[in-house]
Amino acid sequence: MKITAIKAWQVDLPLKEGRYSWSNGNFVDVFDSTVVAIETDEGLTGYAECCPLGSAYLPSYALGVRAGLTELAPHLIGLDPLNLGAINRCMDAALRGHPYAKAPIDIACWDLLGKATGHPVYTLLGGAAQDDVALYRAISQESPEQMATKIEGYAAEGYTKFQLKVGGDANDDIERIHATRSVLKPSDLLVADANTGWTRHEAARVVNAVADLDVYIEQPCMTYDESVSIRRRTALPFILDEVIDGTDTLVRGIAEDAMDVINLKISKVGGLTRAKLMRDLCVSAGIPMTIEDTWGGDITTAAIAHLARSTPEDFCFSATDFNSYGTVTIAHGAPQRVNGRMTAADRPGLGIEPDFDVLGDAVLEVS
């Protein structure tokens, strides 16, 4: 099998809630997502999606996805998409860094591998380890009262895990954590996610002020070292996200007991190939994971579902159904939330088919 063409579409993904806000005043009203297709000489096409969380979250941005694809695509024409190792080596040789731009190529190749072999991607990633996976709901940063009200609403929809967007004023964040924890059941999980937004002294104040609550602290500060400093000051369970961006930082974090849980974002690390490697390292080391991505729609949600379904339940802290946050459906057959859980399709590949009536004309075609 050979790659004959690579195409990309740009699609806007508006939010049902109108705005998604996180640390330091950052927000997005409409997400800019890129859908990728890899066509082959055997008539099979693989699909993927990449959607950065704006341009102030990670070293990634929406236009960068498409610029990276423009750089990468000519090097990939004629290669075997089922040879995932060769595909990733070719991309790394053609473009230094920019894993988020490489991720949709890698994911589309996994979709092709599933279609070529007749297997769903979760089977290729290790086999079904769960029938379905528990989801978390991200609660956009607002007033403590508004966030508590939203948590109550989403709890009624079956969610039992909530990621609270903090990382603003420390006094406000202390109130946000207390207010939201008070409306949850004792068995519900609450994560206070600062998204790198606190300075070290602010983070120290917050963890001391909520020390008596059942809450996880996630990515309090900008750097690994600052965050680990806070880890040493609190007995609360600790999650790292933005600073765990590859196998090197993961291995360091495991060796230094830097976290109890990580957030494994597929595009952040370059696609499913590297995400699987990191997933397997975490399982071996006893580190649970939230399986997710930076953002996305139906196709991103499908990729998350396949990686999560192939992850043992004890190590799958939660997963994300991004397609439930938006107002636009971009693919048929995507996972759908049922009582706070979702599953991956048993169809070959990712099990989705893009809706080209929604996507419109391609913005990139290389053959």
Protein backbone atom coordinates (compact mmCIF):
# COMPACT_ATOMS: atom_id res chain seq x y z
CA MET A 1 0.00 0.00 0.00
CA LYS A 2 1.26 3.48 -0.89
CA ILE A 3 0.15 6.99 0.05
CA THR A 4 -1.15 8.76 -3.04
CA ALA A 5 -2.57 11.97 -1.56
CA ILE A 6 -2.88 13.90 1.70
CA LYS A 7 -5.75 16.34 2.13
CA ALA A 8 -6.87 18.65 4.93
CA TRP A 9 -10.03 20.57 5.81
CA GLN A 10 -10.51 23.44 8.22
CA VAL A 11 -13.66 23.44 10.35
CA ASP A 12 -14.96 25.75 13.08
CA LEU A 13 -16.29 24.09 16.23
CA PRO A 14 -18.51 26.49 18.23
CA LEU A 15 -19.25 25.63 21.86
CA LYS A 16 -22.66 24.88 23.36
CA GLU A 17 -21.72 26.99 26.39
CA GLY A 18 -20.46 29.82 24.19
CA ARG A 19 -17.01 30.12 25.74
CA TYR A 20 -14.34 27.91 27.30
CA SER A 21 -12.15 29.75 29.84
CA TRP A 22 -9.09 28.58 31.75
CA SER A 23 -6.08 30.03 33.56
CA ASN A 24 -4.71 33.57 33.26
CA GLY A 25 -7.73 34.92 31.40
CA ASN A 26 -7.37 32.60 28.39
CA PHE A 27 -10.50 31.61 26.52
CA VAL A 28 -11.79 30.23 23.22
CA ASP A 29 -15.23 30.88 21.71
CA VAL A 30 -14.87 28.85 18.50
CA PHE A 31 -12.28 26.11 18.08
CA ASP A 32 -10.33 25.90 14.82
CA SER A 33 -9.93 22.22 13.94
CA THR A 34 -8.12 20.46 11.06
CA VAL A 35 -9.37 17.19 9.57
CA VAL A 36 -6.83 15.13 7.62
CA ALA A 37 -7.29 12.38 5.02
CA ILE A 38 -4.57 10.03 3.75
CA GLU A 39 -5.55 8.40 0.45
CA THR A 40 -3.88 5.23 -0.85
CA ASP A 41 -3.44 3.30 -4.07
CA GLU A 42 -5.62 0.50 -2.70
CA GLY A 43 -8.71 2.68 -2.37
CA LEU A 44 -8.58 2.97 1.42
CA THR A 45 -8.53 6.36 3.15
CA GLY A 46 -7.51 7.08 6.72
CA TYR A 47 -8.82 10.04 8.71
CA ALA A 48 -7.71 12.06 11.71
CA GLU A 49 -8.24 15.42 13.40
CA CYS A 50 -6.09 17.90 15.31
CA CYS A 51 -7.46 20.86 17.27
CA PRO A 52 -5.10 22.90 19.48
CA LEU A 53 -6.54 24.70 22.50
CA GLY A 54 -5.96 28.17 21.09
CA SER A 55 -2.39 29.46 20.83
CA ALA A 56 -1.63 30.21 24.49
CA TYR A 57 -1.96 26.74 26.01
CA LEU A 58 0.81 24.57 24.52
CA PRO A 59 3.44 25.35 21.83
CA SER A 60 0.81 24.66 19.17
CA TYR A 61 -1.78 26.59 17.21
CA ALA A 62 -4.37 25.88 14.55
CA LEU A 63 -2.55 27.48 11.61
CA GLY A 64 0.56 25.60 12.69
CA VAL A 65 -1.19 22.28 12.11
CA ARG A 66 -1.88 23.15 8.50
CA ALA A 67 1.52 24.76 7.94
CA GLY A 68 3.17 21.63 9.34
CA LEU A 69 1.10 19.39 7.09
CA THR A 70 2.16 21.47 4.08
CA GLU A 71 5.78 20.84 5.06
CA LEU A 72 5.34 17.14 5.81
CA ALA A 73 2.99 15.91 3.09
CA PRO A 74 5.42 15.96 0.11
CA HIS A 75 7.84 13.72 2.02
CA LEU A 76 5.15 11.11 2.70
CA ILE A 77 3.74 10.55 -0.79
CA GLY A 78 4.68 7.05 -1.95
CA LEU A 79 5.39 5.66 1.51
CA ASP A 80 3.58 2.69 3.04
CA PRO A 81 1.14 4.13 5.62
CA LEU A 82 0.98 0.80 7.44
CA ASN A 83 4.69 1.07 8.29
CA LEU A 84 4.14 3.37 11.25
CA GLY A 85 7.77 3.38 12.30
CA ALA A 86 8.95 4.54 8.90
CA ILE A 87 6.20 7.18 8.73
CA ASN A 88 7.22 8.67 12.07
CA ARG A 89 10.93 8.57 11.24
CA CYS A 90 10.23 10.32 7.96
CA MET A 91 8.23 13.05 9.68
CA ASP A 92 10.90 13.58 12.33
CA ALA A 93 13.56 13.89 9.64
CA ALA A 94 11.48 16.33 7.59
CA LEU A 95 10.38 18.60 10.46
CA ARG A 96 12.06 19.09 13.83
CA GLY A 97 9.58 19.17 16.69
CA HIS A 98 5.97 20.23 16.12
CA PRO A 99 4.49 16.91 17.32
CA TYR A 100 0.94 18.26 17.12
CA ALA A 101 1.32 18.75 13.34
CA LYS A 102 2.55 15.17 12.94
CA ALA A 103 -0.18 13.68 15.12
CA PRO A 104 -3.00 13.62 12.53
CA ILE A 105 -0.74 11.88 10.01
CA ASP A 106 0.11 9.19 12.55
CA ILE A 107 -3.53 8.79 13.64
CA ALA A 108 -4.78 8.56 10.04
CA CYS A 109 -2.23 5.79 9.44
CA TRP A 110 -3.63 3.87 12.43
CA ASP A 111 -7.09 4.29 10.91
CA LEU A 112 -5.74 2.84 7.67
CA LEU A 113 -4.05 -0.03 9.51
CA GLY A 114 -7.36 -0.92 11.08
CA LYS A 115 -9.22 -0.75 7.78
CA ALA A 116 -6.55 -2.80 5.99
CA THR A 117 -6.62 -5.55 8.61
CA GLY A 118 -10.32 -5.41 9.42
CA HIS A 119 -9.72 -4.54 13.07
CA PRO A 120 -10.80 -1.61 15.23
CA VAL A 121 -7.89 0.56 16.35
CA TYR A 122 -8.36 -0.44 20.00
CA THR A 123 -7.54 -4.04 19.03
CA LEU A 124 -4.31 -2.89 17.37
CA LEU A 125 -3.43 -0.79 20.43
CA GLY A 126 -3.46 -3.87 22.66
CA GLY A 127 -7.01 -5.15 22.67
CA ALA A 128 -10.13 -4.26 24.61
CA ALA A 129 -9.30 -3.74 28.27
CA GLN A 130 -12.68 -2.14 29.07
CA ASP A 131 -16.16 -2.30 27.57
CA ASP A 132 -16.54 1.45 28.03
CA VAL A 133 -14.66 4.24 29.76
CA ALA A 134 -15.55 6.82 32.41
CA LEU A 135 -15.55 10.45 31.25
CA TYR A 136 -14.70 13.65 33.03
CA ARG A 137 -16.34 17.02 32.46
CA ALA A 138 -14.23 20.17 32.26
CA ILE A 139 -15.86 23.09 34.06
CA SER A 140 -14.94 26.38 32.42
CA GLN A 141 -13.61 29.10 34.76
CA GLU A 142 -16.37 31.33 36.08
CA SER A 143 -17.55 32.45 39.51
CA PRO A 144 -17.60 29.81 42.27
CA GLU A 145 -21.41 29.82 42.25
CA GLN A 146 -21.69 29.39 38.48
CA MET A 147 -19.17 26.56 38.46
CA ALA A 148 -20.96 24.75 41.28
CA THR A 149 -24.27 25.06 39.43
CA LYS A 150 -22.75 23.63 36.25
CA ILE A 151 -21.23 20.71 38.14
CA GLU A 152 -24.65 19.86 39.57
CA GLY A 153 -26.11 19.91 36.05
CA TYR A 154 -23.44 17.66 34.59
CA ALA A 155 -23.64 15.27 37.55
CA ALA A 156 -27.30 14.80 36.64
CA GLU A 157 -26.14 13.71 33.15
CA GLY A 158 -24.09 10.87 34.62
CA TYR A 159 -20.63 12.40 35.05
CA THR A 160 -18.80 11.46 38.25
CA LYS A 161 -15.43 13.11 37.49
CA PHE A 162 -14.98 16.85 37.14
CA GLN A 163 -12.02 18.98 36.11
CA LEU A 164 -12.35 22.45 37.59
CA LYS A 165 -10.59 25.23 35.68
CA VAL A 166 -8.68 27.30 38.23
CA GLY A 167 -5.31 29.05 37.86
CA GLY A 168 -6.72 32.53 38.36
CA ASP A 169 -6.72 34.67 41.50
CA ALA A 170 -5.75 32.40 44.40
CA ASN A 171 -8.54 33.68 46.67
CA ASP A 172 -11.14 33.07 43.97
CA ASP A 173 -9.72 29.63 43.24
CA ILE A 174 -9.92 28.62 46.90
CA GLU A 175 -13.59 29.60 46.84
CA ARG A 176 -14.14 27.73 43.55
CA ILE A 177 -12.70 24.50 44.97
CA HIS A 178 -14.71 24.71 48.22
CA ALA A 179 -17.95 25.61 46.41
CA THR A 180 -17.75 22.81 43.88
CA ARG A 181 -16.62 20.11 46.29
CA SER A 182 -19.58 20.91 48.53
CA VAL A 183 -22.15 20.00 45.84
CA LEU A 184 -20.57 16.66 44.89
CA LYS A 185 -21.18 13.19 46.25
CA PRO A 186 -18.36 11.77 48.40
CA SER A 187 -17.64 9.24 45.64
CA ASP A 188 -17.33 11.91 42.91
CA LEU A 189 -13.84 13.00 41.86
CA LEU A 190 -12.83 16.66 41.69
CA VAL A 191 -9.66 17.90 39.98
CA ALA A 192 -8.49 21.49 40.46
CA ASP A 193 -6.65 22.14 37.19
CA ALA A 194 -4.55 25.32 37.23
CA ASN A 195 -3.23 24.79 33.68
CA THR A 196 0.15 26.26 34.74
CA GLY A 197 -1.60 29.43 35.96
CA TRP A 198 -0.32 29.82 39.53
CA THR A 199 3.04 31.12 40.65
CA ARG A 200 4.70 28.98 43.28
CA HIS A 201 3.55 31.08 46.23
CA GLU A 202 -0.04 31.16 44.94
CA ALA A 203 -0.06 27.41 44.47
CA ALA A 204 1.33 26.93 47.99
CA ARG A 205 -1.50 29.07 49.41
CA VAL A 206 -4.17 27.16 47.52
CA VAL A 207 -3.01 23.66 48.42
CA ASN A 208 -2.75 24.66 52.09
CA ALA A 209 -6.23 26.22 52.03
CA VAL A 210 -7.89 23.10 50.55
CA ALA A 211 -5.80 20.50 52.37
CA ASP A 212 -8.84 19.12 54.19
CA LEU A 213 -10.81 18.50 50.97
CA ASP A 214 -10.97 15.48 48.69
CA VAL A 215 -9.47 17.11 45.59
CA TYR A 216 -6.70 16.44 43.09
CA ILE A 217 -4.23 19.22 42.23
CA GLU A 218 -3.33 19.41 38.54
CA GLN A 219 -0.42 21.23 36.88
CA PRO A 220 -0.20 24.14 39.35
CA CYS A 221 2.76 26.01 37.83
CA MET A 222 4.40 26.68 34.48
CA THR A 223 7.46 24.45 34.83
CA TYR A 224 8.14 20.90 35.92
CA ASP A 225 10.42 22.00 38.76
CA GLU A 226 7.95 24.54 40.14
CA SER A 227 5.14 22.00 40.02
CA VAL A 228 7.19 19.32 41.75
CA SER A 229 8.01 21.86 44.47
CA ILE A 230 4.27 22.10 45.16
CA ARG A 231 3.98 18.31 45.01
CA ARG A 232 6.43 18.12 47.92
CA ARG A 233 4.31 20.56 49.99
CA THR A 234 0.96 18.77 49.82
CA ALA A 235 -0.47 15.37 50.64
CA LEU A 236 -3.22 15.83 48.04
CA PRO A 237 -3.06 13.56 44.96
CA PHE A 238 -1.14 15.27 42.16
CA ILE A 239 -1.55 15.34 38.37
CA LEU A 240 0.89 16.60 35.74
CA ASP A 241 -0.22 17.53 32.24
CA GLU A 242 1.43 20.25 30.16
CA VAL A 243 5.00 19.44 31.25
CA ILE A 244 4.68 15.71 30.44
CA ASP A 245 5.13 16.14 26.70
CA GLY A 246 7.08 13.01 25.73
CA THR A 247 8.74 9.86 26.94
CA ASP A 248 11.71 11.78 28.32
CA THR A 249 9.66 13.89 30.72
CA LEU A 250 7.46 10.92 31.57
CA VAL A 251 10.45 8.76 32.52
CA ARG A 252 11.88 11.62 34.60
CA GLY A 253 8.55 12.11 36.36
CA ILE A 254 8.25 8.42 37.17
CA ALA A 255 11.82 8.26 38.47
CA GLU A 256 11.36 11.34 40.66
CA ASP A 257 7.87 10.44 41.96
CA ALA A 258 6.64 13.73 40.53
CA MET A 259 2.96 12.78 40.10
CA ASP A 260 0.23 10.30 40.89
CA VAL A 261 -1.60 10.69 37.56
CA ILE A 262 -0.79 12.21 34.16
CA ASN A 263 -2.93 13.64 31.40
CA LEU A 264 -1.97 11.91 28.16
CA LYS A 265 -2.95 14.16 25.26
CA ILE A 266 -2.59 12.36 21.92
CA SER A 267 -1.63 15.33 19.74
CA LYS A 268 0.68 16.81 22.37
CA VAL A 269 2.96 13.76 22.09
CA GLY A 270 2.72 13.29 18.30
CA GLY A 271 -0.07 10.78 17.75
CA LEU A 272 -1.21 7.31 18.75
CA THR A 273 2.17 5.63 18.19
CA ARG A 274 3.91 7.65 20.89
CA ALA A 275 0.80 7.85 23.06
CA LYS A 276 0.67 4.03 23.14
CA LEU A 277 4.33 3.91 24.18
CA MET A 278 3.71 6.39 26.98
CA ARG A 279 0.51 4.58 27.99
CA ASP A 280 2.37 1.30 28.29
CA LEU A 281 5.16 2.93 30.32
CA CYS A 282 2.56 4.37 32.69
CA VAL A 283 0.84 1.01 33.13
CA SER A 284 4.20 -0.63 33.82
CA ALA A 285 5.02 2.05 36.39
CA GLY A 286 1.58 2.07 38.01
CA ILE A 287 0.63 5.59 36.88
CA PRO A 288 -3.04 6.12 35.90
CA MET A 289 -3.86 8.45 33.02
CA THR A 290 -6.57 10.73 31.75
CA ILE A 291 -6.72 9.79 28.07
CA GLU A 292 -7.55 12.87 26.02
CA ASP A 293 -6.31 15.55 23.63
CA THR A 294 -6.04 19.33 23.50
CA TRP A 295 -9.51 19.65 21.91
CA GLY A 296 -11.43 18.41 18.89
CA GLY A 297 -14.68 17.05 17.54
CA ASP A 298 -15.98 13.64 16.53
CA ILE A 299 -12.76 12.26 15.02
CA THR A 300 -10.57 13.31 17.94
CA THR A 301 -13.14 11.80 20.31
CA ALA A 302 -12.97 8.51 18.38
CA ALA A 303 -9.17 8.36 18.68
CA ILE A 304 -9.41 9.05 22.42
CA ALA A 305 -12.02 6.32 22.82
CA HIS A 306 -9.85 3.69 21.10
CA LEU A 307 -6.77 4.47 23.19
CA ALA A 308 -8.84 4.57 26.38
CA ARG A 309 -10.73 1.36 25.65
CA SER A 310 -7.41 -0.47 25.20
CA THR A 311 -6.15 0.85 28.56
CA PRO A 312 -6.84 -1.21 31.71
CA GLU A 313 -9.56 0.39 33.84
CA ASP A 314 -7.29 0.72 36.90
CA PHE A 315 -4.97 2.94 34.86
CA CYS A 316 -7.63 4.86 32.92
CA PHE A 317 -8.36 7.68 35.37
CA SER A 318 -10.82 9.18 32.89
CA ALA A 319 -11.28 10.17 29.25
CA THR A 320 -12.85 13.04 27.32
CA ASP A 321 -15.83 13.23 24.96
CA PHE A 322 -15.01 16.52 23.25
CA ASN A 323 -17.77 16.07 20.68
CA SER A 324 -20.35 16.64 23.42
CA TYR A 325 -19.03 20.17 24.06
CA GLY A 326 -19.65 21.47 20.55
CA THR A 327 -22.57 22.28 18.28
CA VAL A 328 -21.20 20.86 15.01
CA THR A 329 -21.08 17.18 14.02
CA ILE A 330 -18.22 16.51 11.59
CA ALA A 331 -18.28 12.69 11.32
CA HIS A 332 -20.72 9.81 11.39
CA GLY A 333 -20.19 6.89 13.78
CA ALA A 334 -18.34 8.81 16.50
CA PRO A 335 -18.60 7.73 20.16
CA GLN A 336 -21.53 9.17 22.08
CA ARG A 337 -21.78 9.70 25.82
CA VAL A 338 -24.17 7.44 27.73
CA ASN A 339 -24.51 8.04 31.49
CA GLY A 340 -21.09 9.62 31.77
CA ARG A 341 -19.30 6.93 29.76
CA MET A 342 -18.39 6.19 26.12
CA THR A 343 -16.92 3.38 24.09
CA ALA A 344 -15.00 2.89 20.85
CA ALA A 345 -16.69 1.39 17.81
CA ASP A 346 -16.07 -2.24 16.86
CA ARG A 347 -15.81 -1.25 13.19
CA PRO A 348 -12.44 -1.34 11.40
CA GLY A 349 -10.12 1.58 12.02
CA LEU A 350 -11.48 4.49 14.03
CA GLY A 351 -14.99 3.55 12.93
CA ILE A 352 -15.94 7.02 11.69
CA GLU A 353 -16.73 8.62 8.35
CA PRO A 354 -16.30 12.40 7.91
CA ASP A 355 -19.32 14.45 6.87
CA PHE A 356 -17.97 16.28 3.83
CA ASP A 357 -21.15 18.33 3.51
CA VAL A 358 -20.07 19.97 6.78
CA LEU A 359 -16.35 20.06 6.01
CA GLY A 360 -16.74 21.65 2.59
CA ASP A 361 -13.74 22.07 0.30
CA ALA A 362 -10.26 20.91 1.24
CA VAL A 363 -7.77 23.65 2.16
CA LEU A 364 -4.76 21.43 1.40
CA GLU A 365 -4.18 18.77 -1.28
CA VAL A 366 -0.80 17.17 -1.92
CA SER A 367 -0.41 14.23 -4.30
